[in-house]
Amino acid sequence: MALQRLVCNIDETLMEQLDEYAASLHITRTAAVAVLLSTALQAQKSMNTLEELMKAYKAEKAAQ
C-alpha cells in the first residue's frame, strides 16, 4: 500500500483535541488522523447499510 500525503488546515481547538487523542493512545498525530478517519468512514458505511436495510424492511412490510 502506497502512502500519500494529506495537507489540511483545522481549527486550533480541533488540533488540540487531536493531540490529546493521539497522546492518550501513545500514537503520532498522523496515526491518530488515520485511525479517526478510518473509523468515521466505516461508521458512515455502516449507517448507509442500515438505512438500506430499513428501506427494504419497510418495503417488505408494506407489501404484506
N, C-alpha and C. Protein backbone atom coordinates (compact mmCIF):
# COMPACT_ATOMS: atom_id res chain seq x y z
N MET A 1 0.85 -1.18 0.00
CA MET A 1 0.00 0.00 0.00
C MET A 1 0.89 1.24 0.00
N ALA A 2 0.73 2.06 -0.99
CA ALA A 2 1.50 3.30 -1.08
C ALA A 2 0.87 4.37 -0.19
N LEU A 3 1.71 5.07 0.51
CA LEU A 3 1.23 6.16 1.35
C LEU A 3 1.16 7.44 0.53
N GLN A 4 0.16 8.24 0.84
CA GLN A 4 0.02 9.54 0.19
C GLN A 4 -0.08 10.60 1.26
N ARG A 5 0.36 11.79 0.91
CA ARG A 5 0.37 12.90 1.86
C ARG A 5 -0.95 13.66 1.77
N LEU A 6 -1.46 14.05 2.92
CA LEU A 6 -2.67 14.87 3.03
C LEU A 6 -2.31 16.12 3.82
N VAL A 7 -2.58 17.26 3.24
CA VAL A 7 -2.33 18.52 3.92
C VAL A 7 -3.68 19.20 4.11
N CYS A 8 -3.97 19.60 5.35
CA CYS A 8 -5.24 20.27 5.61
C CYS A 8 -5.07 21.27 6.74
N ASN A 9 -5.96 22.22 6.77
CA ASN A 9 -5.98 23.22 7.83
C ASN A 9 -7.17 22.92 8.74
N ILE A 10 -6.91 22.90 10.05
CA ILE A 10 -8.00 22.67 11.00
C ILE A 10 -7.92 23.70 12.12
N ASP A 11 -9.04 23.89 12.75
CA ASP A 11 -9.16 24.83 13.86
C ASP A 11 -8.22 24.43 15.00
N GLU A 12 -7.73 25.42 15.70
CA GLU A 12 -6.79 25.20 16.80
C GLU A 12 -7.37 24.29 17.88
N THR A 13 -8.64 24.47 18.19
CA THR A 13 -9.29 23.64 19.21
C THR A 13 -9.36 22.18 18.76
N LEU A 14 -9.67 21.98 17.49
CA LEU A 14 -9.73 20.62 16.96
C LEU A 14 -8.34 19.98 16.97
N MET A 15 -7.32 20.77 16.67
CA MET A 15 -5.95 20.26 16.71
C MET A 15 -5.57 19.84 18.13
N GLU A 16 -5.97 20.63 19.11
CA GLU A 16 -5.70 20.27 20.50
C GLU A 16 -6.39 18.96 20.87
N GLN A 17 -7.63 18.79 20.41
CA GLN A 17 -8.35 17.55 20.69
C GLN A 17 -7.65 16.38 20.01
N LEU A 18 -7.18 16.59 18.81
CA LEU A 18 -6.46 15.54 18.08
C LEU A 18 -5.19 15.16 18.83
N ASP A 19 -4.45 16.16 19.28
CA ASP A 19 -3.22 15.88 20.01
C ASP A 19 -3.50 15.14 21.31
N GLU A 20 -4.57 15.50 22.01
CA GLU A 20 -4.94 14.80 23.24
C GLU A 20 -5.30 13.35 22.94
N TYR A 21 -6.04 13.14 21.86
CA TYR A 21 -6.41 11.78 21.46
C TYR A 21 -5.17 10.96 21.14
N ALA A 22 -4.27 11.54 20.35
CA ALA A 22 -3.04 10.84 19.97
C ALA A 22 -2.21 10.51 21.22
N ALA A 23 -2.10 11.47 22.11
CA ALA A 23 -1.32 11.24 23.33
C ALA A 23 -1.94 10.14 24.19
N SER A 24 -3.26 10.10 24.24
CA SER A 24 -3.93 9.09 25.07
C SER A 24 -3.68 7.68 24.54
N LEU A 25 -3.43 7.55 23.25
CA LEU A 25 -3.16 6.25 22.65
C LEU A 25 -1.66 6.01 22.42
N HIS A 26 -0.85 7.02 22.75
CA HIS A 26 0.60 6.93 22.54
C HIS A 26 0.93 6.69 21.06
N ILE A 27 0.25 7.43 20.19
CA ILE A 27 0.49 7.34 18.76
C ILE A 27 0.76 8.74 18.23
N THR A 28 1.24 8.81 17.01
CA THR A 28 1.52 10.11 16.40
C THR A 28 0.23 10.78 15.97
N ARG A 29 0.34 12.05 15.72
CA ARG A 29 -0.81 12.82 15.21
C ARG A 29 -1.27 12.23 13.87
N THR A 30 -0.33 11.87 13.03
CA THR A 30 -0.67 11.28 11.73
C THR A 30 -1.44 9.97 11.89
N ALA A 31 -0.96 9.13 12.80
CA ALA A 31 -1.64 7.86 13.06
C ALA A 31 -3.03 8.11 13.62
N ALA A 32 -3.16 9.11 14.48
CA ALA A 32 -4.46 9.43 15.06
C ALA A 32 -5.44 9.88 13.98
N VAL A 33 -4.98 10.70 13.05
CA VAL A 33 -5.84 11.13 11.94
C VAL A 33 -6.28 9.92 11.13
N ALA A 34 -5.37 9.02 10.84
CA ALA A 34 -5.70 7.82 10.08
C ALA A 34 -6.73 6.96 10.80
N VAL A 35 -6.54 6.77 12.11
CA VAL A 35 -7.48 5.98 12.90
C VAL A 35 -8.86 6.62 12.90
N LEU A 36 -8.90 7.91 13.18
CA LEU A 36 -10.18 8.61 13.26
C LEU A 36 -10.89 8.66 11.92
N LEU A 37 -10.15 8.91 10.86
CA LEU A 37 -10.75 8.96 9.53
C LEU A 37 -11.29 7.59 9.12
N SER A 38 -10.51 6.56 9.38
CA SER A 38 -10.95 5.21 9.07
C SER A 38 -12.21 4.84 9.85
N THR A 39 -12.23 5.18 11.12
CA THR A 39 -13.39 4.90 11.97
C THR A 39 -14.63 5.64 11.48
N ALA A 40 -14.46 6.90 11.14
CA ALA A 40 -15.60 7.70 10.65
C ALA A 40 -16.14 7.16 9.35
N LEU A 41 -15.25 6.77 8.44
CA LEU A 41 -15.71 6.24 7.15
C LEU A 41 -16.41 4.89 7.33
N GLN A 42 -15.90 4.06 8.22
CA GLN A 42 -16.54 2.77 8.49
C GLN A 42 -17.91 2.98 9.12
N ALA A 43 -18.02 3.94 10.03
CA ALA A 43 -19.30 4.24 10.66
C ALA A 43 -20.30 4.75 9.62
N GLN A 44 -19.85 5.60 8.72
CA GLN A 44 -20.72 6.11 7.67
C GLN A 44 -21.21 4.98 6.77
N LYS A 45 -20.31 4.07 6.43
CA LYS A 45 -20.68 2.92 5.60
C LYS A 45 -21.73 2.06 6.32
N SER A 46 -21.54 1.86 7.61
CA SER A 46 -22.49 1.08 8.39
C SER A 46 -23.86 1.76 8.44
N MET A 47 -23.87 3.07 8.60
CA MET A 47 -25.13 3.81 8.64
C MET A 47 -25.85 3.72 7.29
N ASN A 48 -25.11 3.79 6.21
CA ASN A 48 -25.72 3.67 4.89
C ASN A 48 -26.32 2.28 4.69
N THR A 49 -25.61 1.26 5.15
CA THR A 49 -26.12 -0.11 5.06
C THR A 49 -27.37 -0.28 5.89
N LEU A 50 -27.36 0.27 7.10
CA LEU A 50 -28.53 0.19 7.97
C LEU A 50 -29.72 0.89 7.33
N GLU A 51 -29.49 2.04 6.72
CA GLU A 51 -30.56 2.77 6.06
C GLU A 51 -31.16 1.95 4.91
N GLU A 52 -30.31 1.31 4.15
CA GLU A 52 -30.80 0.46 3.05
C GLU A 52 -31.59 -0.73 3.59
N LEU A 53 -31.13 -1.32 4.67
CA LEU A 53 -31.86 -2.44 5.28
C LEU A 53 -33.22 -2.00 5.80
N MET A 54 -33.27 -0.82 6.39
CA MET A 54 -34.54 -0.30 6.89
C MET A 54 -35.52 -0.03 5.74
N LYS A 55 -35.03 0.49 4.64
CA LYS A 55 -35.87 0.72 3.47
C LYS A 55 -36.43 -0.60 2.94
N ALA A 56 -35.57 -1.61 2.88
CA ALA A 56 -36.00 -2.92 2.40
C ALA A 56 -37.05 -3.53 3.35
N TYR A 57 -36.82 -3.39 4.64
CA TYR A 57 -37.75 -3.90 5.64
C TYR A 57 -39.11 -3.20 5.50
N LYS A 58 -39.09 -1.89 5.37
CA LYS A 58 -40.35 -1.14 5.23
C LYS A 58 -41.08 -1.51 3.95
N ALA A 59 -40.34 -1.72 2.88
CA ALA A 59 -40.97 -2.13 1.62
C ALA A 59 -41.59 -3.51 1.75
N GLU A 60 -40.91 -4.40 2.45
CA GLU A 60 -41.43 -5.76 2.67
C GLU A 60 -42.68 -5.71 3.52
N LYS A 61 -42.67 -4.89 4.57
CA LYS A 61 -43.85 -4.75 5.42
C LYS A 61 -45.03 -4.17 4.66
N ALA A 62 -44.75 -3.20 3.82
CA ALA A 62 -45.82 -2.55 3.04
C ALA A 62 -46.42 -3.52 2.02
N ALA A 63 -45.61 -4.43 1.53
CA ALA A 63 -46.08 -5.41 0.53
C ALA A 63 -46.94 -6.50 1.18
N GLN A 64 -46.84 -6.66 2.47
CA GLN A 64 -47.61 -7.72 3.16
C GLN A 64 -49.03 -7.31 3.44
